[in-house]
Amino acid sequence: MILHDIARLALFDTAKLGKVALASGELLYAGLNCFLPGQQHAAHVHADQDKLYYVLSGGGEAQVGGERQEVAQGDLILAPAGVEHGLNNTGSAPLVVLVVFAPPPRKS
């Protein structure tokens, strides 16, 4: 599978963070998190998943463990398994983030 210009696939929801599944395999998942200004993905922990965020467009604030930093297009954030993390759109433009984690979510 090859996907071109993935940022164009972003979907926004005024009620909550938008999510778009891009690809999933046995060992890896990739998707988009799409934030309108003021939206956030509240701090949370994945006990058994490493998570990587890559900012495609926009900006905001990332939290990993006790660290908080402003992030913008081109920035990469790693949240290792067991470490609390979250992301907020603190800017005035939409924020689109590629999210990759392993292992992928377990199907129930």
PDB file of N, CA and C in Angstrom:
ATOM      1  N   MET A   1       0.836  -1.172   0.000  1.00  0.00           N
ATOM      2  CA  MET A   1       0.000   0.000   0.000  1.00  0.00           C
ATOM      3  C   MET A   1       0.886   1.242   0.000  1.00  0.00           C
ATOM      4  N   ILE A   2       0.543   2.186  -0.836  1.00  0.00           N
ATOM      5  CA  ILE A   2       1.210   3.478  -0.875  1.00  0.00           C
ATOM      6  C   ILE A   2       0.138   4.555  -0.836  1.00  0.00           C
ATOM      7  N   LEU A   3       0.263   5.476   0.103  1.00  0.00           N
ATOM      8  CA  LEU A   3      -0.668   6.603   0.225  1.00  0.00           C
ATOM      9  C   LEU A   3       0.109   7.882  -0.047  1.00  0.00           C
ATOM     10  N   HIS A   4      -0.444   8.749  -0.865  1.00  0.00           N
ATOM     11  CA  HIS A   4       0.193  10.015  -1.192  1.00  0.00           C
ATOM     12  C   HIS A   4      -0.516  11.161  -0.481  1.00  0.00           C
ATOM     13  N   ASP A   5       0.248  12.150  -0.072  1.00  0.00           N
ATOM     14  CA  ASP A   5      -0.288  13.377   0.516  1.00  0.00           C
ATOM     15  C   ASP A   5      -1.325  13.067   1.599  1.00  0.00           C
ATOM     16  N   ILE A   6      -0.900  12.367   2.636  1.00  0.00           N
ATOM     17  CA  ILE A   6      -1.843  11.888   3.656  1.00  0.00           C
ATOM     18  C   ILE A   6      -2.545  13.009   4.411  1.00  0.00           C
ATOM     19  N   ALA A   7      -1.945  14.194   4.495  1.00  0.00           N
ATOM     20  CA  ALA A   7      -2.586  15.285   5.227  1.00  0.00           C
ATOM     21  C   ALA A   7      -3.935  15.656   4.613  1.00  0.00           C
ATOM     22  N   ARG A   8      -4.114  15.416   3.308  1.00  0.00           N
ATOM     23  CA  ARG A   8      -5.392  15.740   2.655  1.00  0.00           C
ATOM     24  C   ARG A   8      -6.517  14.821   3.132  1.00  0.00           C
ATOM     25  N   LEU A   9      -6.193  13.731   3.794  1.00  0.00           N
ATOM     26  CA  LEU A   9      -7.187  12.780   4.295  1.00  0.00           C
ATOM     27  C   LEU A   9      -7.734  13.171   5.670  1.00  0.00           C
ATOM     28  N   ALA A  10      -7.224  14.255   6.226  1.00  0.00           N
ATOM     29  CA  ALA A  10      -7.643  14.694   7.566  1.00  0.00           C
ATOM     30  C   ALA A  10      -9.149  14.942   7.619  1.00  0.00           C
ATOM     31  N   LEU A  11      -9.757  14.503   8.699  1.00  0.00           N
ATOM     32  CA  LEU A  11     -11.180  14.729   8.964  1.00  0.00           C
ATOM     33  C   LEU A  11     -11.307  15.407  10.317  1.00  0.00           C
ATOM     34  N   PHE A  12     -12.054  16.486  10.347  1.00  0.00           N
ATOM     35  CA  PHE A  12     -12.230  17.246  11.576  1.00  0.00           C
ATOM     36  C   PHE A  12     -13.663  17.105  12.068  1.00  0.00           C
ATOM     37  N   ASP A  13     -13.823  17.146  13.391  1.00  0.00           N
ATOM     38  CA  ASP A  13     -15.122  17.025  14.039  1.00  0.00           C
ATOM     39  C   ASP A  13     -15.191  18.119  15.094  1.00  0.00           C
ATOM     40  N   THR A  14     -16.211  18.939  15.030  1.00  0.00           N
ATOM     41  CA  THR A  14     -16.311  20.034  15.994  1.00  0.00           C
ATOM     42  C   THR A  14     -16.560  19.544  17.417  1.00  0.00           C
ATOM     43  N   ALA A  15     -17.059  18.323  17.563  1.00  0.00           N
ATOM     44  CA  ALA A  15     -17.385  17.791  18.887  1.00  0.00           C
ATOM     45  C   ALA A  15     -16.206  17.105  19.568  1.00  0.00           C
ATOM     46  N   LYS A  16     -15.245  16.587  18.774  1.00  0.00           N
ATOM     47  CA  LYS A  16     -14.135  15.842  19.380  1.00  0.00           C
ATOM     48  C   LYS A  16     -12.989  15.720  18.385  1.00  0.00           C
ATOM     49  N   LEU A  17     -11.871  15.275  18.880  1.00  0.00           N
ATOM     50  CA  LEU A  17     -10.693  15.002  18.073  1.00  0.00           C
ATOM     51  C   LEU A  17     -11.051  14.077  16.911  1.00  0.00           C
ATOM     52  N   GLY A  18     -10.659  14.422  15.700  1.00  0.00           N
ATOM     53  CA  GLY A  18     -10.907  13.562  14.544  1.00  0.00           C
ATOM     54  C   GLY A  18      -9.813  12.522  14.405  1.00  0.00           C
ATOM     55  N   LYS A  19     -10.193  11.318  14.044  1.00  0.00           N
ATOM     56  CA  LYS A  19      -9.214  10.238  13.849  1.00  0.00           C
ATOM     57  C   LYS A  19      -9.470   9.567  12.508  1.00  0.00           C
ATOM     58  N   VAL A  20      -8.387   9.279  11.789  1.00  0.00           N
ATOM     59  CA  VAL A  20      -8.456   8.614  10.492  1.00  0.00           C
ATOM     60  C   VAL A  20      -7.472   7.450  10.511  1.00  0.00           C
ATOM     61  N   ALA A  21      -7.954   6.225  10.296  1.00  0.00           N
ATOM     62  CA  ALA A  21      -7.073   5.065  10.184  1.00  0.00           C
ATOM     63  C   ALA A  21      -6.463   5.062   8.784  1.00  0.00           C
ATOM     64  N   LEU A  22      -5.141   4.952   8.708  1.00  0.00           N
ATOM     65  CA  LEU A  22      -4.464   4.914   7.416  1.00  0.00           C
ATOM     66  C   LEU A  22      -4.035   3.499   7.043  1.00  0.00           C
ATOM     67  N   ALA A  23      -3.410   2.803   7.984  1.00  0.00           N
ATOM     68  CA  ALA A  23      -2.898   1.466   7.690  1.00  0.00           C
ATOM     69  C   ALA A  23      -2.700   0.704   8.993  1.00  0.00           C
ATOM     70  N   SER A  24      -2.907  -0.591   8.920  1.00  0.00           N
ATOM     71  CA  SER A  24      -2.691  -1.424  10.092  1.00  0.00           C
ATOM     72  C   SER A  24      -2.187  -2.781   9.648  1.00  0.00           C
ATOM     73  N   GLY A  25      -1.163  -3.236  10.336  1.00  0.00           N
ATOM     74  CA  GLY A  25      -0.612  -4.557  10.062  1.00  0.00           C
ATOM     75  C   GLY A  25      -0.580  -5.357  11.342  1.00  0.00           C
ATOM     76  N   GLU A  26       0.095  -6.467  11.292  1.00  0.00           N
ATOM     77  CA  GLU A  26       0.206  -7.321  12.482  1.00  0.00           C
ATOM     78  C   GLU A  26       0.996  -6.644  13.597  1.00  0.00           C
ATOM     79  N   LEU A  27       1.970  -5.786  13.227  1.00  0.00           N
ATOM     80  CA  LEU A  27       2.876  -5.227  14.220  1.00  0.00           C
ATOM     81  C   LEU A  27       2.852  -3.708  14.339  1.00  0.00           C
ATOM     82  N   LEU A  28       2.091  -3.023  13.466  1.00  0.00           N
ATOM     83  CA  LEU A  28       2.158  -1.567  13.426  1.00  0.00           C
ATOM     84  C   LEU A  28       0.828  -0.973  12.980  1.00  0.00           C
ATOM     85  N   TYR A  29       0.506   0.216  13.493  1.00  0.00           N
ATOM     86  CA  TYR A  29      -0.695   0.958  13.102  1.00  0.00           C
ATOM     87  C   TYR A  29      -0.289   2.384  12.756  1.00  0.00           C
ATOM     88  N   ALA A  30      -0.925   2.968  11.738  1.00  0.00           N
ATOM     89  CA  ALA A  30      -0.701   4.371  11.391  1.00  0.00           C
ATOM     90  C   ALA A  30      -2.048   5.043  11.150  1.00  0.00           C
ATOM     91  N   GLY A  31      -2.174   6.269  11.628  1.00  0.00           N
ATOM     92  CA  GLY A  31      -3.402   7.024  11.434  1.00  0.00           C
ATOM     93  C   GLY A  31      -3.138   8.503  11.571  1.00  0.00           C
ATOM     94  N   LEU A  32      -4.188   9.289  11.450  1.00  0.00           N
ATOM     95  CA  LEU A  32      -4.111  10.731  11.638  1.00  0.00           C
ATOM     96  C   LEU A  32      -4.932  11.121  12.851  1.00  0.00           C
ATOM     97  N   ASN A  33      -4.415  12.032  13.642  1.00  0.00           N
ATOM     98  CA  ASN A  33      -5.193  12.719  14.666  1.00  0.00           C
ATOM     99  C   ASN A  33      -5.378  14.132  14.155  1.00  0.00           C
ATOM    100  N   CYS A  34      -6.616  14.618  14.149  1.00  0.00           N
ATOM    101  CA  CYS A  34      -6.965  15.891  13.521  1.00  0.00           C
ATOM    102  C   CYS A  34      -7.654  16.780  14.554  1.00  0.00           C
ATOM    103  N   PHE A  35      -7.003  17.887  14.910  1.00  0.00           N
ATOM    104  CA  PHE A  35      -7.464  18.768  15.979  1.00  0.00           C
ATOM    105  C   PHE A  35      -7.872  20.119  15.414  1.00  0.00           C
ATOM    106  N   LEU A  36      -9.036  20.570  15.753  1.00  0.00           N
ATOM    107  CA  LEU A  36      -9.407  21.959  15.512  1.00  0.00           C
ATOM    108  C   LEU A  36      -8.806  22.796  16.640  1.00  0.00           C
ATOM    109  N   PRO A  37      -8.670  24.109  16.462  1.00  0.00           N
ATOM    110  CA  PRO A  37      -8.134  24.940  17.539  1.00  0.00           C
ATOM    111  C   PRO A  37      -8.879  24.694  18.856  1.00  0.00           C
ATOM    112  N   GLY A  38      -8.106  24.519  19.917  1.00  0.00           N
ATOM    113  CA  GLY A  38      -8.676  24.291  21.241  1.00  0.00           C
ATOM    114  C   GLY A  38      -8.929  22.837  21.585  1.00  0.00           C
ATOM    115  N   GLN A  39      -8.893  21.937  20.599  1.00  0.00           N
ATOM    116  CA  GLN A  39      -9.124  20.520  20.898  1.00  0.00           C
ATOM    117  C   GLN A  39      -7.849  19.874  21.440  1.00  0.00           C
ATOM    118  N   GLN A  40      -8.060  18.788  22.177  1.00  0.00           N
ATOM    119  CA  GLN A  40      -6.924  18.084  22.766  1.00  0.00           C
ATOM    120  C   GLN A  40      -7.161  16.589  22.807  1.00  0.00           C
ATOM    121  N   HIS A  41      -6.076  15.864  22.920  1.00  0.00           N
ATOM    122  CA  HIS A  41      -6.111  14.442  23.247  1.00  0.00           C
ATOM    123  C   HIS A  41      -5.542  14.391  24.657  1.00  0.00           C
ATOM    124  N   ALA A  42      -6.431  14.243  25.630  1.00  0.00           N
ATOM    125  CA  ALA A  42      -6.045  14.320  27.032  1.00  0.00           C
ATOM    126  C   ALA A  42      -4.943  13.327  27.360  1.00  0.00           C
ATOM    127  N   ALA A  43      -4.135  13.679  28.347  1.00  0.00           N
ATOM    128  CA  ALA A  43      -3.034  12.822  28.772  1.00  0.00           C
ATOM    129  C   ALA A  43      -3.552  11.431  29.129  1.00  0.00           C
ATOM    130  N   HIS A  44      -2.838  10.421  28.640  1.00  0.00           N
ATOM    131  CA  HIS A  44      -3.217   9.030  28.863  1.00  0.00           C
ATOM    132  C   HIS A  44      -1.970   8.158  28.739  1.00  0.00           C
ATOM    133  N   VAL A  45      -2.112   6.883  29.045  1.00  0.00           N
ATOM    134  CA  VAL A  45      -0.985   5.944  29.030  1.00  0.00           C
ATOM    135  C   VAL A  45      -1.387   4.701  28.258  1.00  0.00           C
ATOM    136  N   HIS A  46      -0.472   4.195  27.442  1.00  0.00           N
ATOM    137  CA  HIS A  46      -0.619   2.879  26.813  1.00  0.00           C
ATOM    138  C   HIS A  46       0.439   1.983  27.457  1.00  0.00           C
ATOM    139  N   ALA A  47       0.017   1.013  28.225  1.00  0.00           N
ATOM    140  CA  ALA A  47       0.957   0.175  28.963  1.00  0.00           C
ATOM    141  C   ALA A  47       1.862  -0.646  28.053  1.00  0.00           C
ATOM    142  N   ASP A  48       1.339  -1.039  26.878  1.00  0.00           N
ATOM    143  CA  ASP A  48       2.105  -1.964  26.034  1.00  0.00           C
ATOM    144  C   ASP A  48       2.284  -1.468  24.599  1.00  0.00           C
ATOM    145  N   GLN A  49       2.203  -0.165  24.387  1.00  0.00           N
ATOM    146  CA  GLN A  49       2.366   0.380  23.034  1.00  0.00           C
ATOM    147  C   GLN A  49       3.298   1.586  23.053  1.00  0.00           C
ATOM    148  N   ASP A  50       4.292   1.573  22.164  1.00  0.00           N
ATOM    149  CA  ASP A  50       5.082   2.766  21.900  1.00  0.00           C
ATOM    150  C   ASP A  50       4.319   3.584  20.875  1.00  0.00           C
ATOM    151  N   LYS A  51       4.339   4.919  21.032  1.00  0.00           N
ATOM    152  CA  LYS A  51       3.573   5.788  20.144  1.00  0.00           C
ATOM    153  C   LYS A  51       4.473   6.904  19.631  1.00  0.00           C
ATOM    154  N   LEU A  52       4.341   7.178  18.351  1.00  0.00           N
ATOM    155  CA  LEU A  52       5.113   8.224  17.705  1.00  0.00           C
ATOM    156  C   LEU A  52       4.145   9.188  17.043  1.00  0.00           C
ATOM    157  N   TYR A  53       4.341  10.479  17.256  1.00  0.00           N
ATOM    158  CA  TYR A  53       3.554  11.525  16.602  1.00  0.00           C
ATOM    159  C   TYR A  53       4.489  12.311  15.686  1.00  0.00           C
ATOM    160  N   TYR A  54       4.035  12.606  14.464  1.00  0.00           N
ATOM    161  CA  TYR A  54       4.773  13.478  13.555  1.00  0.00           C
ATOM    162  C   TYR A  54       3.819  14.582  13.113  1.00  0.00           C
ATOM    163  N   VAL A  55       4.165  15.830  13.405  1.00  0.00           N
ATOM    164  CA  VAL A  55       3.287  16.958  13.103  1.00  0.00           C
ATOM    165  C   VAL A  55       3.367  17.280  11.614  1.00  0.00           C
ATOM    166  N   LEU A  56       2.248  17.069  10.911  1.00  0.00           N
ATOM    167  CA  LEU A  56       2.172  17.349   9.480  1.00  0.00           C
ATOM    168  C   LEU A  56       1.850  18.814   9.207  1.00  0.00           C
ATOM    169  N   SER A  57       0.964  19.391  10.010  1.00  0.00           N
ATOM    170  CA  SER A  57       0.616  20.804   9.851  1.00  0.00           C
ATOM    171  C   SER A  57       0.039  21.335  11.144  1.00  0.00           C
ATOM    172  N   GLY A  58       0.173  22.635  11.327  1.00  0.00           N
ATOM    173  CA  GLY A  58      -0.339  23.267  12.530  1.00  0.00           C
ATOM    174  C   GLY A  58       0.675  23.218  13.655  1.00  0.00           C
ATOM    175  N   GLY A  59       0.193  23.499  14.850  1.00  0.00           N
ATOM    176  CA  GLY A  59       1.063  23.510  16.014  1.00  0.00           C
ATOM    177  C   GLY A  59       0.261  23.329  17.281  1.00  0.00           C
ATOM    178  N   GLY A  60       0.963  23.091  18.358  1.00  0.00           N
ATOM    179  CA  GLY A  60       0.300  22.895  19.631  1.00  0.00           C
ATOM    180  C   GLY A  60       1.292  22.614  20.732  1.00  0.00           C
ATOM    181  N   GLU A  61       0.818  21.932  21.765  1.00  0.00           N
ATOM    182  CA  GLU A  61       1.652  21.577  22.903  1.00  0.00           C
ATOM    183  C   GLU A  61       1.586  20.069  23.112  1.00  0.00           C
ATOM    184  N   ALA A  62       2.762  19.454  23.227  1.00  0.00           N
ATOM    185  CA  ALA A  62       2.848  18.016  23.494  1.00  0.00           C
ATOM    186  C   ALA A  62       3.309  17.803  24.925  1.00  0.00           C
ATOM    187  N   GLN A  63       2.784  16.754  25.534  1.00  0.00           N
ATOM    188  CA  GLN A  63       3.220  16.330  26.860  1.00  0.00           C
ATOM    189  C   GLN A  63       3.706  14.894  26.755  1.00  0.00           C
ATOM    190  N   VAL A  64       4.898  14.638  27.261  1.00  0.00           N
ATOM    191  CA  VAL A  64       5.425  13.281  27.388  1.00  0.00           C
ATOM    192  C   VAL A  64       6.039  13.193  28.778  1.00  0.00           C
ATOM    193  N   GLY A  65       5.458  12.334  29.612  1.00  0.00           N
ATOM    194  CA  GLY A  65       5.894  12.282  30.997  1.00  0.00           C
ATOM    195  C   GLY A  65       5.676  13.643  31.634  1.00  0.00           C
ATOM    196  N   GLY A  66       6.653  14.157  32.340  1.00  0.00           N
ATOM    197  CA  GLY A  66       6.550  15.470  32.979  1.00  0.00           C
ATOM    198  C   GLY A  66       6.979  16.613  32.081  1.00  0.00           C
ATOM    199  N   GLU A  67       7.321  16.336  30.834  1.00  0.00           N
ATOM    200  CA  GLU A  67       7.805  17.365  29.912  1.00  0.00           C
ATOM    201  C   GLU A  67       6.675  17.892  29.022  1.00  0.00           C
ATOM    202  N   ARG A  68       6.593  19.204  28.887  1.00  0.00           N
ATOM    203  CA  ARG A  68       5.647  19.857  27.986  1.00  0.00           C
ATOM    204  C   ARG A  68       6.447  20.776  27.075  1.00  0.00           C
ATOM    205  N   GLN A  69       6.138  20.691  25.755  1.00  0.00           N
ATOM    206  CA  GLN A  69       6.828  21.563  24.808  1.00  0.00           C
ATOM    207  C   GLN A  69       5.890  21.949  23.686  1.00  0.00           C
ATOM    208  N   GLU A  70       6.125  23.152  23.145  1.00  0.00           N
ATOM    209  CA  GLU A  70       5.423  23.567  21.941  1.00  0.00           C
ATOM    210  C   GLU A  70       5.957  22.739  20.780  1.00  0.00           C
ATOM    211  N   VAL A  71       5.064  22.344  19.866  1.00  0.00           N
ATOM    212  CA  VAL A  71       5.452  21.574  18.689  1.00  0.00           C
ATOM    213  C   VAL A  71       4.836  22.216  17.448  1.00  0.00           C
ATOM    214  N   ALA A  72       5.485  21.992  16.308  1.00  0.00           N
ATOM    215  CA  ALA A  72       5.031  22.578  15.051  1.00  0.00           C
ATOM    216  C   ALA A  72       5.352  21.620  13.912  1.00  0.00           C
ATOM    217  N   GLN A  73       4.938  21.987  12.703  1.00  0.00           N
ATOM    218  CA  GLN A  73       5.143  21.158  11.520  1.00  0.00           C
ATOM    219  C   GLN A  73       6.591  20.670  11.459  1.00  0.00           C
ATOM    220  N   GLY A  74       6.728  19.356  11.229  1.00  0.00           N
ATOM    221  CA  GLY A  74       8.046  18.744  11.123  1.00  0.00           C
ATOM    222  C   GLY A  74       8.580  18.178  12.419  1.00  0.00           C
ATOM    223  N   ASP A  75       7.913  18.426  13.549  1.00  0.00           N
ATOM    224  CA  ASP A  75       8.380  17.917  14.838  1.00  0.00           C
ATOM    225  C   ASP A  75       7.922  16.482  15.061  1.00  0.00           C
ATOM    226  N   LEU A  76       8.732  15.739  15.797  1.00  0.00           N
ATOM    227  CA  LEU A  76       8.491  14.336  16.100  1.00  0.00           C
ATOM    228  C   LEU A  76       8.434  14.165  17.610  1.00  0.00           C
ATOM    229  N   ILE A  77       7.437  13.422  18.090  1.00  0.00           N
ATOM    230  CA  ILE A  77       7.250  13.179  19.514  1.00  0.00           C
ATOM    231  C   ILE A  77       7.202  11.680  19.732  1.00  0.00           C
ATOM    232  N   LEU A  78       7.978  11.167  20.688  1.00  0.00           N
ATOM    233  CA  LEU A  78       7.944   9.745  21.025  1.00  0.00           C
ATOM    234  C   LEU A  78       7.417   9.588  22.432  1.00  0.00           C
ATOM    235  N   ALA A  79       6.384   8.757  22.581  1.00  0.00           N
ATOM    236  CA  ALA A  79       5.820   8.414  23.882  1.00  0.00           C
ATOM    237  C   ALA A  79       6.016   6.916  24.083  1.00  0.00           C
ATOM    238  N   PRO A  80       7.043   6.526  24.842  1.00  0.00           N
ATOM    239  CA  PRO A  80       7.270   5.104  25.079  1.00  0.00           C
ATOM    240  C   PRO A  80       6.129   4.465  25.874  1.00  0.00           C
ATOM    241  N   ALA A  81       5.987   3.176  25.735  1.00  0.00           N
ATOM    242  CA  ALA A  81       4.977   2.437  26.492  1.00  0.00           C
ATOM    243  C   ALA A  81       5.109   2.761  27.978  1.00  0.00           C
ATOM    244  N   GLY A  82       3.959   2.950  28.627  1.00  0.00           N
ATOM    245  CA  GLY A  82       3.939   3.196  30.055  1.00  0.00           C
ATOM    246  C   GLY A  82       4.152   4.640  30.471  1.00  0.00           C
ATOM    247  N   VAL A  83       4.385   5.549  29.504  1.00  0.00           N
ATOM    248  CA  VAL A  83       4.630   6.957  29.820  1.00  0.00           C
ATOM    249  C   VAL A  83       3.406   7.780  29.434  1.00  0.00           C
ATOM    250  N   GLU A  84       2.929   8.609  30.363  1.00  0.00           N
ATOM    251  CA  GLU A  84       1.770   9.451  30.102  1.00  0.00           C
ATOM    252  C   GLU A  84       2.103  10.456  28.997  1.00  0.00           C
ATOM    253  N   HIS A  85       1.130  10.668  28.094  1.00  0.00           N
ATOM    254  CA  HIS A  85       1.334  11.596  26.978  1.00  0.00           C
ATOM    255  C   HIS A  85       0.005  12.181  26.535  1.00  0.00           C
ATOM    256  N   GLY A  86       0.080  13.343  25.902  1.00  0.00           N
ATOM    257  CA  GLY A  86      -1.105  14.003  25.382  1.00  0.00           C
ATOM    258  C   GLY A  86      -0.697  15.091  24.406  1.00  0.00           C
ATOM    259  N   LEU A  87      -1.667  15.630  23.695  1.00  0.00           N
ATOM    260  CA  LEU A  87      -1.407  16.641  22.679  1.00  0.00           C
ATOM    261  C   LEU A  87      -2.569  17.616  22.636  1.00  0.00           C
ATOM    262  N   ASN A  88      -2.262  18.917  22.576  1.00  0.00           N
ATOM    263  CA  ASN A  88      -3.279  19.972  22.539  1.00  0.00           C
ATOM    264  C   ASN A  88      -3.013  20.888  21.356  1.00  0.00           C
ATOM    265  N   ASN A  89      -4.075  21.302  20.674  1.00  0.00           N
ATOM    266  CA  ASN A  89      -3.942  22.332  19.650  1.00  0.00           C
ATOM    267  C   ASN A  89      -4.108  23.672  20.342  1.00  0.00           C
ATOM    268  N   THR A  90      -2.993  24.332  20.585  1.00  0.00           N
ATOM    269  CA  THR A  90      -3.004  25.635  21.245  1.00  0.00           C
ATOM    270  C   THR A  90      -2.948  26.769  20.229  1.00  0.00           C
ATOM    271  N   GLY A  91      -2.936  26.424  18.952  1.00  0.00           N
ATOM    272  CA  GLY A  91      -2.832  27.432  17.904  1.00  0.00           C
ATOM    273  C   GLY A  91      -4.187  27.868  17.380  1.00  0.00           C
ATOM    274  N   SER A  92      -4.140  28.671  16.312  1.00  0.00           N
ATOM    275  CA  SER A  92      -5.373  29.191  15.705  1.00  0.00           C
ATOM    276  C   SER A  92      -5.723  28.467  14.409  1.00  0.00           C
ATOM    277  N   ALA A  93      -4.898  27.514  13.986  1.00  0.00           N
ATOM    278  CA  ALA A  93      -5.127  26.742  12.761  1.00  0.00           C
ATOM    279  C   ALA A  93      -5.315  25.269  13.118  1.00  0.00           C
ATOM    280  N   PRO A  94      -5.931  24.492  12.240  1.00  0.00           N
ATOM    281  CA  PRO A  94      -6.039  23.051  12.492  1.00  0.00           C
ATOM    282  C   PRO A  94      -4.659  22.405  12.655  1.00  0.00           C
ATOM    283  N   LEU A  95      -4.622  21.368  13.451  1.00  0.00           N
ATOM    284  CA  LEU A  95      -3.411  20.592  13.716  1.00  0.00           C
ATOM    285  C   LEU A  95      -3.640  19.179  13.188  1.00  0.00           C
ATOM    286  N   VAL A  96      -2.744  18.697  12.321  1.00  0.00           N
ATOM    287  CA  VAL A  96      -2.841  17.343  11.777  1.00  0.00           C
ATOM    288  C   VAL A  96      -1.557  16.608  12.135  1.00  0.00           C
ATOM    289  N   VAL A  97      -1.725  15.454  12.768  1.00  0.00           N
ATOM    290  CA  VAL A  97      -0.595  14.687  13.276  1.00  0.00           C
ATOM    291  C   VAL A  97      -0.680  13.257  12.776  1.00  0.00           C
ATOM    292  N   LEU A  98       0.406  12.773  12.192  1.00  0.00           N
ATOM    293  CA  LEU A  98       0.523  11.351  11.866  1.00  0.00           C
ATOM    294  C   LEU A  98       0.843  10.617  13.161  1.00  0.00           C
ATOM    295  N   VAL A  99       0.081   9.580  13.452  1.00  0.00           N
ATOM    296  CA  VAL A  99       0.272   8.783  14.664  1.00  0.00           C
ATOM    297  C   VAL A  99       0.640   7.366  14.236  1.00  0.00           C
ATOM    298  N   VAL A 100       1.735   6.867  14.793  1.00  0.00           N
ATOM    299  CA  VAL A 100       2.175   5.500  14.511  1.00  0.00           C
ATOM    300  C   VAL A 100       2.399   4.821  15.847  1.00  0.00           C
ATOM    301  N   PHE A 101       1.810   3.652  16.031  1.00  0.00           N
ATOM    302  CA  PHE A 101       2.108   2.921  17.252  1.00  0.00           C
ATOM    303  C   PHE A 101       2.195   1.428  17.029  1.00  0.00           C
ATOM    304  N   ALA A 102       2.938   0.818  17.951  1.00  0.00           N
ATOM    305  CA  ALA A 102       3.177  -0.614  17.881  1.00  0.00           C
ATOM    306  C   ALA A 102       3.178  -1.178  19.295  1.00  0.00           C
ATOM    307  N   PRO A 103       2.581  -2.315  19.473  1.00  0.00           N
ATOM    308  CA  PRO A 103       1.784  -3.041  18.491  1.00  0.00           C
ATOM    309  C   PRO A 103       0.455  -2.306  18.229  1.00  0.00           C
ATOM    310  N   PRO A 104      -0.245  -2.697  17.165  1.00  0.00           N
ATOM    311  CA  PRO A 104      -1.529  -2.047  16.842  1.00  0.00           C
ATOM    312  C   PRO A 104      -2.585  -2.391  17.891  1.00  0.00           C
ATOM    313  N   PRO A 105      -3.698  -1.638  17.866  1.00  0.00           N
ATOM    314  CA  PRO A 105      -4.779  -1.968  18.813  1.00  0.00           C
ATOM    315  C   PRO A 105      -5.247  -3.410  18.622  1.00  0.00           C
ATOM    316  N   ARG A 106      -5.564  -4.021  19.708  1.00  0.00           N
ATOM    317  CA  ARG A 106      -6.074  -5.399  19.656  1.00  0.00           C
ATOM    318  C   ARG A 106      -7.542  -5.367  19.278  1.00  0.00           C
ATOM    319  N   LYS A 107      -7.939  -6.211  18.361  1.00  0.00           N
ATOM    320  CA  LYS A 107      -9.358  -6.298  17.975  1.00  0.00           C
ATOM    321  C   LYS A 107     -10.108  -7.075  19.051  1.00  0.00           C
ATOM    322  N   SER A 108     -11.270  -6.548  19.427  1.00  0.00           N
ATOM    323  CA  SER A 108     -12.057  -7.223  20.470  1.00  0.00           C
ATOM    324  C   SER A 108     -13.186  -8.013  19.883  1.00  0.00           C
TER     325      SER A 108
END
